[in-house]
PDB file of N, CA and C in Angstrom:
ATOM      1  N   MET A   1     181.201 131.193 212.099  1.00  0.00           N
ATOM      2  CA  MET A   1     180.401 131.491 210.940  1.00  0.00           C
ATOM      3  C   MET A   1     179.611 132.756 211.216  1.00  0.00           C
ATOM      4  N   GLY A   2     179.659 133.710 210.284  1.00  0.00           N
ATOM      5  CA  GLY A   2     178.911 134.947 210.434  1.00  0.00           C
ATOM      6  C   GLY A   2     177.453 134.743 210.117  1.00  0.00           C
ATOM      7  N   ALA A   3     176.659 135.755 210.427  1.00  0.00           N
ATOM      8  CA  ALA A   3     175.224 135.673 210.156  1.00  0.00           C
ATOM      9  C   ALA A   3     174.983 135.590 208.659  1.00  0.00           C
ATOM     10  N   ALA A   4     174.128 134.683 208.267  1.00  0.00           N
ATOM     11  CA  ALA A   4     173.782 134.517 206.864  1.00  0.00           C
ATOM     12  C   ALA A   4     172.337 134.934 206.676  1.00  0.00           C
ATOM     13  N   VAL A   5     172.131 136.111 206.132  1.00  0.00           N
ATOM     14  CA  VAL A   5     170.787 136.607 205.884  1.00  0.00           C
ATOM     15  C   VAL A   5     170.665 136.815 204.388  1.00  0.00           C
ATOM     16  N   LEU A   6     169.611 136.270 203.795  1.00  0.00           N
ATOM     17  CA  LEU A   6     169.438 136.356 202.357  1.00  0.00           C
ATOM     18  C   LEU A   6     168.564 137.531 201.973  1.00  0.00           C
ATOM     19  N   ASP A   7     168.843 138.097 200.795  1.00  0.00           N
ATOM     20  CA  ASP A   7     168.024 139.147 200.222  1.00  0.00           C
ATOM     21  C   ASP A   7     166.915 138.473 199.429  1.00  0.00           C
ATOM     22  N   CYS A   8     165.780 138.277 200.052  1.00  0.00           N
ATOM     23  CA  CYS A   8     164.659 137.620 199.399  1.00  0.00           C
ATOM     24  C   CYS A   8     163.579 138.687 199.221  1.00  0.00           C
ATOM     25  N   ARG A   9     163.443 139.228 198.035  1.00  0.00           N
ATOM     26  CA  ARG A   9     162.606 140.400 197.784  1.00  0.00           C
ATOM     27  C   ARG A   9     161.133 140.188 198.092  1.00  0.00           C
ATOM     28  N   HIS A  10     160.663 138.969 198.066  1.00  0.00           N
ATOM     29  CA  HIS A  10     159.248 138.712 198.288  1.00  0.00           C
ATOM     30  C   HIS A  10     158.968 138.051 199.625  1.00  0.00           C
ATOM     31  N   SER A  11     159.962 137.851 200.443  1.00  0.00           N
ATOM     32  CA  SER A  11     159.819 137.018 201.640  1.00  0.00           C
ATOM     33  C   SER A  11     158.781 137.527 202.630  1.00  0.00           C
ATOM     34  N   LEU A  12     158.492 138.803 202.643  1.00  0.00           N
ATOM     35  CA  LEU A  12     157.519 139.310 203.599  1.00  0.00           C
ATOM     36  C   LEU A  12     156.106 138.862 203.246  1.00  0.00           C
ATOM     37  N   HIS A  13     155.877 138.457 201.986  1.00  0.00           N
ATOM     38  CA  HIS A  13     154.546 138.060 201.540  1.00  0.00           C
ATOM     39  C   HIS A  13     154.461 136.586 201.190  1.00  0.00           C
ATOM     40  N   CYS A  14     155.549 135.940 200.925  1.00  0.00           N
ATOM     41  CA  CYS A  14     155.565 134.597 200.372  1.00  0.00           C
ATOM     42  C   CYS A  14     155.357 133.546 201.457  1.00  0.00           C
ATOM     43  N   SER A  15     154.362 132.686 201.255  1.00  0.00           N
ATOM     44  CA  SER A  15     154.080 131.657 202.249  1.00  0.00           C
ATOM     45  C   SER A  15     155.112 130.542 202.235  1.00  0.00           C
ATOM     46  N   GLY A  16     155.847 130.399 201.136  1.00  0.00           N
ATOM     47  CA  GLY A  16     156.822 129.321 201.035  1.00  0.00           C
ATOM     48  C   GLY A  16     158.215 129.729 201.423  1.00  0.00           C
ATOM     49  N   CYS A  17     158.410 130.971 201.770  1.00  0.00           N
ATOM     50  CA  CYS A  17     159.756 131.465 202.017  1.00  0.00           C
ATOM     51  C   CYS A  17     160.001 131.704 203.499  1.00  0.00           C
ATOM     52  N   SER A  18     160.988 131.014 204.016  1.00  0.00           N
ATOM     53  CA  SER A  18     161.387 131.241 205.405  1.00  0.00           C
ATOM     54  C   SER A  18     162.800 131.800 205.436  1.00  0.00           C
ATOM     55  N   LEU A  19     163.252 132.336 204.294  1.00  0.00           N
ATOM     56  CA  LEU A  19     164.640 132.783 204.197  1.00  0.00           C
ATOM     57  C   LEU A  19     164.874 134.179 204.750  1.00  0.00           C
ATOM     58  N   HIS A  20     163.832 134.849 205.202  1.00  0.00           N
ATOM     59  CA  HIS A  20     164.043 136.179 205.753  1.00  0.00           C
ATOM     60  C   HIS A  20     164.552 136.112 207.191  1.00  0.00           C
ATOM     61  N   GLN A  21     164.697 134.913 207.704  1.00  0.00           N
ATOM     62  CA  GLN A  21     165.232 134.761 209.054  1.00  0.00           C
ATOM     63  C   GLN A  21     166.758 134.702 209.031  1.00  0.00           C
ATOM     64  N   ASP A  22     167.346 134.905 210.173  1.00  0.00           N
ATOM     65  CA  ASP A  22     168.794 134.799 210.318  1.00  0.00           C
ATOM     66  C   ASP A  22     169.163 133.321 210.264  1.00  0.00           C
ATOM     67  N   LEU A  23     169.952 132.926 209.280  1.00  0.00           N
ATOM     68  CA  LEU A  23     170.277 131.519 209.099  1.00  0.00           C
ATOM     69  C   LEU A  23     171.539 131.083 209.844  1.00  0.00           C
ATOM     70  N   ALA A  24     172.162 131.992 210.590  1.00  0.00           N
ATOM     71  CA  ALA A  24     173.377 131.614 211.312  1.00  0.00           C
ATOM     72  C   ALA A  24     173.051 130.601 212.413  1.00  0.00           C
ATOM     73  N   THR A  25     171.954 130.793 213.102  1.00  0.00           N
ATOM     74  CA  THR A  25     171.543 129.856 214.158  1.00  0.00           C
ATOM     75  C   THR A  25     170.025 129.682 214.098  1.00  0.00           C
ATOM     76  N   PRO A  26     169.526 128.924 213.133  1.00  0.00           N
ATOM     77  CA  PRO A  26     168.074 128.725 213.028  1.00  0.00           C
ATOM     78  C   PRO A  26     167.522 127.972 214.233  1.00  0.00           C
ATOM     79  N   PRO A  27     166.248 128.185 214.559  1.00  0.00           N
ATOM     80  CA  PRO A  27     165.648 127.517 215.719  1.00  0.00           C
ATOM     81  C   PRO A  27     165.746 125.991 215.636  1.00  0.00           C
ATOM     82  N   GLN A  28     165.632 125.416 214.452  1.00  0.00           N
ATOM     83  CA  GLN A  28     165.704 123.969 214.308  1.00  0.00           C
ATOM     84  C   GLN A  28     167.070 123.435 214.751  1.00  0.00           C
ATOM     85  N   TYR A  29     168.119 124.198 214.460  1.00  0.00           N
ATOM     86  CA  TYR A  29     169.459 123.790 214.875  1.00  0.00           C
ATOM     87  C   TYR A  29     169.555 123.784 216.402  1.00  0.00           C
ATOM     88  N   GLN A  30     169.063 124.833 217.014  1.00  0.00           N
ATOM     89  CA  GLN A  30     169.130 124.928 218.472  1.00  0.00           C
ATOM     90  C   GLN A  30     168.335 123.801 219.122  1.00  0.00           C
ATOM     91  N   GLN A  31     167.143 123.508 218.591  1.00  0.00           N
ATOM     92  CA  GLN A  31     166.324 122.427 219.141  1.00  0.00           C
ATOM     93  C   GLN A  31     167.025 121.078 218.985  1.00  0.00           C
ATOM     94  N   GLY A  32     167.583 120.822 217.816  1.00  0.00           N
ATOM     95  CA  GLY A  32     168.292 119.570 217.571  1.00  0.00           C
ATOM     96  C   GLY A  32     169.512 119.432 218.450  1.00  0.00           C
ATOM     97  N   ARG A  33     170.245 120.518 218.586  1.00  0.00           N
ATOM     98  CA  ARG A  33     171.448 120.528 219.421  1.00  0.00           C
ATOM     99  C   ARG A  33     171.098 120.186 220.870  1.00  0.00           C
ATOM    100  N   LEU A  34     170.041 120.825 221.388  1.00  0.00           N
ATOM    101  CA  LEU A  34     169.617 120.537 222.765  1.00  0.00           C
ATOM    102  C   LEU A  34     169.210 119.073 222.918  1.00  0.00           C
ATOM    103  N   PHE A  35     168.486 118.554 221.931  1.00  0.00           N
ATOM    104  CA  PHE A  35     168.057 117.160 222.007  1.00  0.00           C
ATOM    105  C   PHE A  35     169.254 116.215 222.019  1.00  0.00           C
ATOM    106  N   PHE A  36     170.165 116.377 221.070  1.00  0.00           N
ATOM    107  CA  PHE A  36     171.290 115.448 220.966  1.00  0.00           C
ATOM    108  C   PHE A  36     172.275 115.595 222.115  1.00  0.00           C
ATOM    109  N   CYS A  37     172.504 116.820 222.546  1.00  0.00           N
ATOM    110  CA  CYS A  37     173.479 117.037 223.622  1.00  0.00           C
ATOM    111  C   CYS A  37     172.888 116.721 224.999  1.00  0.00           C
ATOM    112  N   ASN A  38     171.738 117.280 225.296  1.00  0.00           N
ATOM    113  CA  ASN A  38     171.165 117.123 226.640  1.00  0.00           C
ATOM    114  C   ASN A  38     170.452 115.792 226.826  1.00  0.00           C
ATOM    115  N   THR A  39     169.629 115.408 225.871  1.00  0.00           N
ATOM    116  CA  THR A  39     168.832 114.189 226.020  1.00  0.00           C
ATOM    117  C   THR A  39     169.658 112.936 225.776  1.00  0.00           C
ATOM    118  N   LEU A  40     170.464 112.948 224.722  1.00  0.00           N
ATOM    119  CA  LEU A  40     171.234 111.761 224.378  1.00  0.00           C
ATOM    120  C   LEU A  40     172.653 111.783 224.931  1.00  0.00           C
ATOM    121  N   GLY A  41     173.060 112.929 225.499  1.00  0.00           N
ATOM    122  CA  GLY A  41     174.389 113.022 226.092  1.00  0.00           C
ATOM    123  C   GLY A  41     175.531 113.038 225.089  1.00  0.00           C
ATOM    124  N   LEU A  42     175.249 113.393 223.842  1.00  0.00           N
ATOM    125  CA  LEU A  42     176.298 113.458 222.819  1.00  0.00           C
ATOM    126  C   LEU A  42     177.066 114.768 222.946  1.00  0.00           C
ATOM    127  N   PRO A  43     178.305 114.819 222.447  1.00  0.00           N
ATOM    128  CA  PRO A  43     179.076 116.060 222.522  1.00  0.00           C
ATOM    129  C   PRO A  43     178.481 117.136 221.612  1.00  0.00           C
ATOM    130  N   ASP A  44     178.772 118.382 221.954  1.00  0.00           N
ATOM    131  CA  ASP A  44     178.287 119.510 221.150  1.00  0.00           C
ATOM    132  C   ASP A  44     178.851 119.405 219.737  1.00  0.00           C
ATOM    133  N   PHE A  45     178.150 119.964 218.783  1.00  0.00           N
ATOM    134  CA  PHE A  45     178.596 119.884 217.387  1.00  0.00           C
ATOM    135  C   PHE A  45     178.329 121.206 216.688  1.00  0.00           C
ATOM    136  N   PRO A  46     179.135 121.535 215.675  1.00  0.00           N
ATOM    137  CA  PRO A  46     178.955 122.803 214.967  1.00  0.00           C
ATOM    138  C   PRO A  46     177.848 122.699 213.904  1.00  0.00           C
ATOM    139  N   LEU A  47     177.307 123.822 213.530  1.00  0.00           N
ATOM    140  CA  LEU A  47     176.349 123.885 212.435  1.00  0.00           C
ATOM    141  C   LEU A  47     177.122 123.964 211.132  1.00  0.00           C
ATOM    142  N   VAL A  48     176.832 123.071 210.223  1.00  0.00           N
ATOM    143  CA  VAL A  48     177.437 123.097 208.893  1.00  0.00           C
ATOM    144  C   VAL A  48     176.305 123.336 207.910  1.00  0.00           C
ATOM    145  N   ALA A  49     176.228 124.540 207.368  1.00  0.00           N
ATOM    146  CA  ALA A  49     175.126 124.917 206.474  1.00  0.00           C
ATOM    147  C   ALA A  49     175.442 124.533 205.034  1.00  0.00           C
ATOM    148  N   GLY A  50     174.409 124.112 204.336  1.00  0.00           N
ATOM    149  CA  GLY A  50     174.542 123.805 202.910  1.00  0.00           C
ATOM    150  C   GLY A  50     174.353 125.072 202.086  1.00  0.00           C
ATOM    151  N   HIS A  51     174.016 124.894 200.825  1.00  0.00           N
ATOM    152  CA  HIS A  51     173.805 126.037 199.937  1.00  0.00           C
ATOM    153  C   HIS A  51     172.645 126.880 200.426  1.00  0.00           C
ATOM    154  N   LEU A  52     172.823 128.174 200.469  1.00  0.00           N
ATOM    155  CA  LEU A  52     171.781 129.074 200.927  1.00  0.00           C
ATOM    156  C   LEU A  52     170.984 129.670 199.773  1.00  0.00           C
ATOM    157  N   ARG A  53     171.404 129.403 198.557  1.00  0.00           N
ATOM    158  CA  ARG A  53     170.698 129.929 197.391  1.00  0.00           C
ATOM    159  C   ARG A  53     170.347 128.786 196.442  1.00  0.00           C
ATOM    160  N   TYR A  54     169.208 128.925 195.826  1.00  0.00           N
ATOM    161  CA  TYR A  54     168.775 128.039 194.732  1.00  0.00           C
ATOM    162  C   TYR A  54     168.685 126.574 195.149  1.00  0.00           C
ATOM    163  N   TRP A  55     168.292 126.301 196.377  1.00  0.00           N
ATOM    164  CA  TRP A  55     168.226 124.936 196.872  1.00  0.00           C
ATOM    165  C   TRP A  55     166.898 124.261 196.553  1.00  0.00           C
ATOM    166  N   ARG A  56     165.850 125.032 196.277  1.00  0.00           N
ATOM    167  CA  ARG A  56     164.544 124.430 196.003  1.00  0.00           C
ATOM    168  C   ARG A  56     164.481 124.027 194.536  1.00  0.00           C
ATOM    169  N   CYS A  57     164.503 122.726 194.280  1.00  0.00           N
ATOM    170  CA  CYS A  57     164.528 122.209 192.903  1.00  0.00           C
ATOM    171  C   CYS A  57     163.163 121.730 192.426  1.00  0.00           C
ATOM    172  N   ARG A  58     162.192 121.707 193.311  1.00  0.00           N
ATOM    173  CA  ARG A  58     160.814 121.348 192.961  1.00  0.00           C
ATOM    174  C   ARG A  58     159.898 122.408 193.535  1.00  0.00           C
ATOM    175  N   ALA A  59     158.881 122.763 192.768  1.00  0.00           N
ATOM    176  CA  ALA A  59     157.945 123.760 193.268  1.00  0.00           C
ATOM    177  C   ALA A  59     156.562 123.496 192.707  1.00  0.00           C
ATOM    178  N   LYS A  60     155.567 123.587 193.551  1.00  0.00           N
ATOM    179  CA  LYS A  60     154.171 123.506 193.126  1.00  0.00           C
ATOM    180  C   LYS A  60     153.651 124.931 193.191  1.00  0.00           C
ATOM    181  N   LEU A  61     153.536 125.549 192.031  1.00  0.00           N
ATOM    182  CA  LEU A  61     153.184 126.958 191.966  1.00  0.00           C
ATOM    183  C   LEU A  61     151.725 127.148 191.573  1.00  0.00           C
ATOM    184  N   ALA A  62     151.140 128.225 192.047  1.00  0.00           N
ATOM    185  CA  ALA A  62     149.762 128.570 191.728  1.00  0.00           C
ATOM    186  C   ALA A  62     149.749 129.501 190.520  1.00  0.00           C
ATOM    187  N   VAL A  63     148.650 129.441 189.764  1.00  0.00           N
ATOM    188  CA  VAL A  63     148.478 130.306 188.593  1.00  0.00           C
ATOM    189  C   VAL A  63     147.165 131.062 188.757  1.00  0.00           C
ATOM    190  N   ARG A  64     147.228 132.362 188.646  1.00  0.00           N
ATOM    191  CA  ARG A  64     146.042 133.222 188.712  1.00  0.00           C
ATOM    192  C   ARG A  64     146.253 134.358 187.710  1.00  0.00           C
ATOM    193  N   GLY A  65     145.487 135.414 187.821  1.00  0.00           N
ATOM    194  CA  GLY A  65     145.603 136.557 186.920  1.00  0.00           C
ATOM    195  C   GLY A  65     144.685 136.412 185.725  1.00  0.00           C
ATOM    196  N   THR A  66     145.138 136.895 184.581  1.00  0.00           N
ATOM    197  CA  THR A  66     144.362 136.831 183.343  1.00  0.00           C
ATOM    198  C   THR A  66     145.217 136.211 182.255  1.00  0.00           C
ATOM    199  N   ALA A  67     144.588 135.880 181.119  1.00  0.00           N
ATOM    200  CA  ALA A  67     145.343 135.321 179.998  1.00  0.00           C
ATOM    201  C   ALA A  67     146.361 136.329 179.481  1.00  0.00           C
ATOM    202  N   ALA A  68     146.054 137.605 179.572  1.00  0.00           N
ATOM    203  CA  ALA A  68     146.977 138.644 179.102  1.00  0.00           C
ATOM    204  C   ALA A  68     148.062 138.969 180.134  1.00  0.00           C
ATOM    205  N   ALA A  69     147.781 138.701 181.393  1.00  0.00           N
ATOM    206  CA  ALA A  69     148.742 139.009 182.459  1.00  0.00           C
ATOM    207  C   ALA A  69     148.680 137.929 183.540  1.00  0.00           C
ATOM    208  N   PRO A  70     149.179 136.721 183.228  1.00  0.00           N
ATOM    209  CA  PRO A  70     149.135 135.647 184.220  1.00  0.00           C
ATOM    210  C   PRO A  70     150.103 135.885 185.377  1.00  0.00           C
ATOM    211  N   LEU A  71     149.694 135.416 186.534  1.00  0.00           N
ATOM    212  CA  LEU A  71     150.539 135.459 187.721  1.00  0.00           C
ATOM    213  C   LEU A  71     150.885 134.021 188.075  1.00  0.00           C
ATOM    214  N   ILE A  72     152.163 133.740 188.218  1.00  0.00           N
ATOM    215  CA  ILE A  72     152.611 132.398 188.593  1.00  0.00           C
ATOM    216  C   ILE A  72     153.545 132.544 189.784  1.00  0.00           C
ATOM    217  N   GLY A  73     153.225 131.844 190.859  1.00  0.00           N
ATOM    218  CA  GLY A  73     154.053 131.933 192.053  1.00  0.00           C
ATOM    219  C   GLY A  73     153.440 131.166 193.199  1.00  0.00           C
ATOM    220  N   LEU A  74     153.706 131.619 194.409  1.00  0.00           N
ATOM    221  CA  LEU A  74     153.166 131.001 195.617  1.00  0.00           C
ATOM    222  C   LEU A  74     152.111 131.920 196.210  1.00  0.00           C
ATOM    223  N   PHE A  75     151.193 131.326 196.945  1.00  0.00           N
ATOM    224  CA  PHE A  75     150.183 132.137 197.611  1.00  0.00           C
ATOM    225  C   PHE A  75     150.827 132.963 198.708  1.00  0.00           C
ATOM    226  N   ARG A  76     150.341 134.193 198.852  1.00  0.00           N
ATOM    227  CA  ARG A  76     150.764 135.005 199.992  1.00  0.00           C
ATOM    228  C   ARG A  76     150.297 134.301 201.252  1.00  0.00           C
ATOM    229  N   GLN A  77     151.055 134.448 202.293  1.00  0.00           N
ATOM    230  CA  GLN A  77     150.748 133.748 203.540  1.00  0.00           C
ATOM    231  C   GLN A  77     149.336 134.095 204.008  1.00  0.00           C
ATOM    232  N   GLY A  78     148.548 133.052 204.276  1.00  0.00           N
ATOM    233  CA  GLY A  78     147.193 133.226 204.785  1.00  0.00           C
ATOM    234  C   GLY A  78     146.180 133.667 203.752  1.00  0.00           C
ATOM    235  N   SER A  79     146.499 133.558 202.467  1.00  0.00           N
ATOM    236  CA  SER A  79     145.563 134.002 201.435  1.00  0.00           C
ATOM    237  C   SER A  79     145.675 133.113 200.202  1.00  0.00           C
ATOM    238  N   HIS A  80     144.884 133.423 199.204  1.00  0.00           N
ATOM    239  CA  HIS A  80     145.005 132.784 197.897  1.00  0.00           C
ATOM    240  C   HIS A  80     145.374 133.819 196.847  1.00  0.00           C
ATOM    241  N   GLN A  81     146.096 134.841 197.264  1.00  0.00           N
ATOM    242  CA  GLN A  81     146.641 135.839 196.343  1.00  0.00           C
ATOM    243  C   GLN A  81     148.021 135.360 195.931  1.00  0.00           C
ATOM    244  N   VAL A  82     148.254 135.296 194.620  1.00  0.00           N
ATOM    245  CA  VAL A  82     149.531 134.779 194.121  1.00  0.00           C
ATOM    246  C   VAL A  82     150.609 135.839 194.209  1.00  0.00           C
ATOM    247  N   GLU A  83     151.740 135.445 194.735  1.00  0.00           N
ATOM    248  CA  GLU A  83     152.931 136.291 194.804  1.00  0.00           C
ATOM    249  C   GLU A  83     153.905 135.796 193.738  1.00  0.00           C
ATOM    250  N   PRO A  84     154.078 136.551 192.629  1.00  0.00           N
ATOM    251  CA  PRO A  84     155.050 136.139 191.606  1.00  0.00           C
ATOM    252  C   PRO A  84     156.459 136.092 192.195  1.00  0.00           C
ATOM    253  N   LEU A  85     157.303 135.208 191.657  1.00  0.00           N
ATOM    254  CA  LEU A  85     158.626 134.971 192.231  1.00  0.00           C
ATOM    255  C   LEU A  85     159.759 135.174 191.233  1.00  0.00           C
ATOM    256  N   PRO A  86     159.810 136.271 190.537  1.00  0.00           N
ATOM    257  CA  PRO A  86     160.845 136.406 189.504  1.00  0.00           C
ATOM    258  C   PRO A  86     162.267 136.499 190.044  1.00  0.00           C
ATOM    259  N   HIS A  87     162.437 136.823 191.309  1.00  0.00           N
ATOM    260  CA  HIS A  87     163.780 136.974 191.877  1.00  0.00           C
ATOM    261  C   HIS A  87     163.973 136.108 193.113  1.00  0.00           C
ATOM    262  N   CYS A  88     163.267 134.983 193.177  1.00  0.00           N
ATOM    263  CA  CYS A  88     163.343 134.127 194.352  1.00  0.00           C
ATOM    264  C   CYS A  88     164.732 133.516 194.479  1.00  0.00           C
ATOM    265  N   VAL A  89     165.341 133.663 195.644  1.00  0.00           N
ATOM    266  CA  VAL A  89     166.676 133.100 195.860  1.00  0.00           C
ATOM    267  C   VAL A  89     166.614 131.658 196.346  1.00  0.00           C
ATOM    268  N   ALA A  90     165.407 131.174 196.640  1.00  0.00           N
ATOM    269  CA  ALA A  90     165.265 129.777 197.046  1.00  0.00           C
ATOM    270  C   ALA A  90     165.092 128.872 195.828  1.00  0.00           C
ATOM    271  N   HIS A  91     164.316 129.332 194.834  1.00  0.00           N
ATOM    272  CA  HIS A  91     164.069 128.517 193.649  1.00  0.00           C
ATOM    273  C   HIS A  91     165.305 128.415 192.761  1.00  0.00           C
ATOM    274  N   HIS A  92     165.554 127.228 192.282  1.00  0.00           N
ATOM    275  CA  HIS A  92     166.644 126.995 191.336  1.00  0.00           C
ATOM    276  C   HIS A  92     166.370 127.814 190.073  1.00  0.00           C
ATOM    277  N   PRO A  93     167.394 128.332 189.403  1.00  0.00           N
ATOM    278  CA  PRO A  93     167.187 129.116 188.186  1.00  0.00           C
ATOM    279  C   PRO A  93     166.367 128.387 187.115  1.00  0.00           C
ATOM    280  N   SER A  94     166.408 127.068 187.083  1.00  0.00           N
ATOM    281  CA  SER A  94     165.600 126.321 186.115  1.00  0.00           C
ATOM    282  C   SER A  94     164.108 126.537 186.353  1.00  0.00           C
ATOM    283  N   ILE A  95     163.714 126.664 187.605  1.00  0.00           N
ATOM    284  CA  ILE A  95     162.312 126.942 187.917  1.00  0.00           C
ATOM    285  C   ILE A  95     161.957 128.326 187.403  1.00  0.00           C
ATOM    286  N   GLN A  96     162.839 129.283 187.613  1.00  0.00           N
ATOM    287  CA  GLN A  96     162.589 130.653 187.142  1.00  0.00           C
ATOM    288  C   GLN A  96     162.419 130.681 185.619  1.00  0.00           C
ATOM    289  N   ARG A  97     163.289 129.941 184.921  1.00  0.00           N
ATOM    290  CA  ARG A  97     163.196 129.902 183.451  1.00  0.00           C
ATOM    291  C   ARG A  97     161.912 129.220 183.002  1.00  0.00           C
ATOM    292  N   ALA A  98     161.528 128.134 183.669  1.00  0.00           N
ATOM    293  CA  ALA A  98     160.299 127.420 183.307  1.00  0.00           C
ATOM    294  C   ALA A  98     159.076 128.312 183.509  1.00  0.00           C
ATOM    295  N   VAL A  99     159.040 129.045 184.603  1.00  0.00           N
ATOM    296  CA  VAL A  99     157.920 129.953 184.865  1.00  0.00           C
ATOM    297  C   VAL A  99     157.835 131.006 183.767  1.00  0.00           C
ATOM    298  N   ALA A 100     158.962 131.558 183.351  1.00  0.00           N
ATOM    299  CA  ALA A 100     158.966 132.575 182.294  1.00  0.00           C
ATOM    300  C   ALA A 100     158.445 131.997 180.981  1.00  0.00           C
ATOM    301  N   VAL A 101     158.861 130.782 180.636  1.00  0.00           N
ATOM    302  CA  VAL A 101     158.411 130.136 179.396  1.00  0.00           C
ATOM    303  C   VAL A 101     156.909 129.864 179.454  1.00  0.00           C
ATOM    304  N   ILE A 102     156.439 129.332 180.578  1.00  0.00           N
ATOM    305  CA  ILE A 102     155.007 129.025 180.723  1.00  0.00           C
ATOM    306  C   ILE A 102     154.186 130.307 180.667  1.00  0.00           C
ATOM    307  N   ARG A 103     154.654 131.334 181.327  1.00  0.00           N
ATOM    308  CA  ARG A 103     153.936 132.614 181.331  1.00  0.00           C
ATOM    309  C   ARG A 103     153.821 133.178 179.913  1.00  0.00           C
ATOM    310  N   GLN A 104     154.923 133.166 179.168  1.00  0.00           N
ATOM    311  CA  GLN A 104     154.901 133.672 177.792  1.00  0.00           C
ATOM    312  C   GLN A 104     153.981 132.828 176.906  1.00  0.00           C
ATOM    313  N   ALA A 105     153.987 131.510 177.094  1.00  0.00           N
ATOM    314  CA  ALA A 105     153.108 130.629 176.319  1.00  0.00           C
ATOM    315  C   ALA A 105     151.646 130.912 176.649  1.00  0.00           C
ATOM    316  N   MET A 106     151.347 131.155 177.901  1.00  0.00           N
ATOM    317  CA  MET A 106     149.972 131.478 178.291  1.00  0.00           C
ATOM    318  C   MET A 106     149.494 132.749 177.605  1.00  0.00           C
ATOM    319  N   ILE A 107     150.368 133.746 177.555  1.00  0.00           N
ATOM    320  CA  ILE A 107     150.012 135.019 176.918  1.00  0.00           C
ATOM    321  C   ILE A 107     149.810 134.811 175.418  1.00  0.00           C
ATOM    322  N   LYS A 108     150.756 134.143 174.782  1.00  0.00           N
ATOM    323  CA  LYS A 108     150.702 133.934 173.328  1.00  0.00           C
ATOM    324  C   LYS A 108     149.479 133.108 172.919  1.00  0.00           C
ATOM    325  N   LEU A 109     149.171 132.056 173.682  1.00  0.00           N
ATOM    326  CA  LEU A 109     148.072 131.149 173.336  1.00  0.00           C
ATOM    327  C   LEU A 109     146.752 131.528 174.018  1.00  0.00           C
ATOM    328  N   ARG A 110     146.784 132.604 174.793  1.00  0.00           N
ATOM    329  CA  ARG A 110     145.593 133.093 175.507  1.00  0.00           C
ATOM    330  C   ARG A 110     144.976 132.019 176.404  1.00  0.00           C
ATOM    331  N   VAL A 111     145.822 131.364 177.157  1.00  0.00           N
ATOM    332  CA  VAL A 111     145.363 130.327 178.088  1.00  0.00           C
ATOM    333  C   VAL A 111     144.831 131.011 179.350  1.00  0.00           C
ATOM    334  N   PRO A 112     143.567 130.817 179.658  1.00  0.00           N
ATOM    335  CA  PRO A 112     143.015 131.475 180.844  1.00  0.00           C
ATOM    336  C   PRO A 112     143.443 130.757 182.129  1.00  0.00           C
ATOM    337  N   PRO A 113     144.008 131.513 183.076  1.00  0.00           N
ATOM    338  CA  PRO A 113     144.363 130.908 184.360  1.00  0.00           C
ATOM    339  C   PRO A 113     143.116 130.656 185.209  1.00  0.00           C
ATOM    340  N   TYR A 114     143.277 129.836 186.198  1.00  0.00           N
ATOM    341  CA  TYR A 114     142.183 129.490 187.104  1.00  0.00           C
ATOM    342  C   TYR A 114     141.677 130.729 187.830  1.00  0.00           C
ATOM    343  N   GLN A 115     140.366 130.840 187.910  1.00  0.00           N
ATOM    344  CA  GLN A 115     139.716 131.914 188.666  1.00  0.00           C
ATOM    345  C   GLN A 115     138.985 131.271 189.835  1.00  0.00           C
ATOM    346  N   GLU A 116     139.447 131.542 191.007  1.00  0.00           N
ATOM    347  CA  GLU A 116     138.907 130.876 192.189  1.00  0.00           C
ATOM    348  C   GLU A 116     137.421 131.144 192.402  1.00  0.00           C
ATOM    349  N   ALA A 117     136.964 132.354 192.159  1.00  0.00           N
ATOM    350  CA  ALA A 117     135.568 132.704 192.406  1.00  0.00           C
ATOM    351  C   ALA A 117     134.606 131.899 191.519  1.00  0.00           C
ATOM    352  N   SER A 118     134.992 131.706 190.248  1.00  0.00           N
ATOM    353  CA  SER A 118     134.094 131.027 189.318  1.00  0.00           C
ATOM    354  C   SER A 118     134.449 129.561 189.114  1.00  0.00           C
ATOM    355  N   GLY A 119     135.658 129.169 189.495  1.00  0.00           N
ATOM    356  CA  GLY A 119     136.101 127.801 189.250  1.00  0.00           C
ATOM    357  C   GLY A 119     136.459 127.551 187.787  1.00  0.00           C
ATOM    358  N   GLN A 120     136.539 128.613 186.998  1.00  0.00           N
ATOM    359  CA  GLN A 120     136.852 128.535 185.573  1.00  0.00           C
ATOM    360  C   GLN A 120     138.358 128.706 185.349  1.00  0.00           C
ATOM    361  N   GLY A 121     138.828 128.298 184.175  1.00  0.00           N
ATOM    362  CA  GLY A 121     140.217 128.478 183.799  1.00  0.00           C
ATOM    363  C   GLY A 121     140.847 127.158 183.402  1.00  0.00           C
ATOM    364  N   LEU A 122     141.894 127.221 182.599  1.00  0.00           N
ATOM    365  CA  LEU A 122     142.525 126.017 182.090  1.00  0.00           C
ATOM    366  C   LEU A 122     143.825 125.643 182.799  1.00  0.00           C
ATOM    367  N   LEU A 123     144.434 126.602 183.478  1.00  0.00           N
ATOM    368  CA  LEU A 123     145.699 126.313 184.131  1.00  0.00           C
ATOM    369  C   LEU A 123     145.637 126.759 185.575  1.00  0.00           C
ATOM    370  N   ARG A 124     145.924 125.835 186.447  1.00  0.00           N
ATOM    371  CA  ARG A 124     145.806 126.097 187.879  1.00  0.00           C
ATOM    372  C   ARG A 124     147.187 126.096 188.495  1.00  0.00           C
TER     373      ARG A 124
END
């Protein structure tokens, strides 16, 4: 199996994205392999990878910004700054469509997003 590296446009900032790593031999596979082979004495086994795109079917997303320009996405790693995810390769396309619909509804209905400093806002 060749190296599987995904083009994740936001991965350098996204706290929920670990797809910027080389998926051909992830550390978890190596750790599991060592445990099963060395500790339990089982024979070596190959890595069989599942779908590398659109596997995340549930997401708890943060909402910030303004009613005129809401931001919906995940917090940047180590912060509470929202990173919008319009091209996320981990999120299922249904999540992308739902975010677009919610964002447009917020703009149309002038729904104020949560403001962390004041604790104000209707959508978090």
